Amino acid sequence: MHTRLRSRLEELLLTHSPSGLEREIDEVIRCELTALECPFEADAAGNLVVRLAGRDADASPLLITAHKD
């Protein structure tokens, strides 16, 4: 596995993030998104929402979801 990918995965997996207490993982994710200059927002439930433009404006949208806890 690539060193950078492995390092990032280890950081995410080792970050304290039980259900309802995702503040620490939120900070890790927010820092990474900011470093990547990737705009994001948090909704009322605390979910982080990221929208990325695709290469093909005519393509159907793609939605990817993941749990933080």
Protein backbone atom coordinates (compact mmCIF):
# COMPACT_ATOMS: atom_id res chain seq x y z
CA MET A 1 0.00 0.00 0.00
CA HIS A 2 1.29 3.48 -0.77
CA THR A 3 2.89 5.14 2.25
CA ARG A 4 0.76 8.31 2.06
CA LEU A 5 -2.49 6.37 1.72
CA ARG A 6 -1.54 4.04 4.56
CA SER A 7 -0.60 6.99 6.77
CA ARG A 8 -3.90 8.77 6.07
CA LEU A 9 -5.91 5.59 6.68
CA GLU A 10 -4.11 4.94 9.97
CA GLU A 11 -4.80 8.50 11.11
CA LEU A 12 -8.51 8.17 10.32
CA LEU A 13 -8.83 4.74 11.95
CA LEU A 14 -6.97 5.76 15.11
CA THR A 15 -8.93 8.96 15.63
CA HIS A 16 -11.50 8.78 18.46
CA SER A 17 -14.95 8.89 16.84
CA PRO A 18 -17.71 6.94 18.59
CA SER A 19 -21.32 7.66 17.59
CA GLY A 20 -22.40 11.07 18.78
CA LEU A 21 -18.84 12.12 19.64
CA GLU A 22 -17.30 12.75 16.24
CA ARG A 23 -15.64 16.09 17.06
CA GLU A 24 -12.09 14.71 16.77
CA ILE A 25 -12.64 12.99 13.42
CA ASP A 26 -14.45 16.10 12.16
CA GLU A 27 -11.32 18.13 12.86
CA VAL A 28 -9.10 15.64 11.01
CA ILE A 29 -11.43 15.63 8.01
CA ARG A 30 -11.88 19.42 8.00
CA CYS A 31 -8.10 19.94 8.08
CA GLU A 32 -7.59 17.54 5.19
CA LEU A 33 -10.34 19.16 3.10
CA THR A 34 -8.93 22.61 3.82
CA ALA A 35 -5.42 21.50 2.85
CA LEU A 36 -6.84 20.15 -0.42
CA GLU A 37 -8.68 23.47 -0.96
CA CYS A 38 -11.89 21.47 -1.17
CA PRO A 39 -14.98 23.45 -0.19
CA PHE A 40 -17.26 21.81 2.37
CA GLU A 41 -20.10 22.67 4.72
CA ALA A 42 -21.64 21.10 7.79
CA ASP A 43 -25.37 20.53 7.92
CA ALA A 44 -27.60 20.87 11.00
CA ALA A 45 -26.90 17.26 12.00
CA GLY A 46 -23.12 17.76 11.88
CA ASN A 47 -22.57 15.91 8.62
CA LEU A 48 -19.79 17.24 6.42
CA VAL A 49 -20.98 17.83 2.85
CA VAL A 50 -18.50 18.16 -0.02
CA ARG A 51 -19.46 18.93 -3.61
CA LEU A 52 -16.91 18.43 -6.36
CA ALA A 53 -17.42 19.35 -9.99
CA GLY A 54 -16.95 16.51 -12.42
CA ARG A 55 -15.14 16.55 -15.74
CA ASP A 56 -18.31 15.96 -17.77
CA ALA A 57 -21.05 18.53 -17.16
CA ASP A 58 -23.58 16.23 -18.86
CA ALA A 59 -22.87 13.24 -16.61
CA SER A 60 -25.29 12.22 -13.89
CA PRO A 61 -24.32 13.23 -10.34
CA LEU A 62 -22.55 10.67 -8.18
CA LEU A 63 -23.24 10.51 -4.45
CA ILE A 64 -20.79 8.88 -2.05
CA THR A 65 -21.52 8.62 1.68
CA ALA A 66 -19.49 7.37 4.62
CA HIS A 67 -19.84 7.12 8.38
CA LYS A 68 -17.46 9.01 10.65
CA ASP A 69 -18.19 6.89 13.71
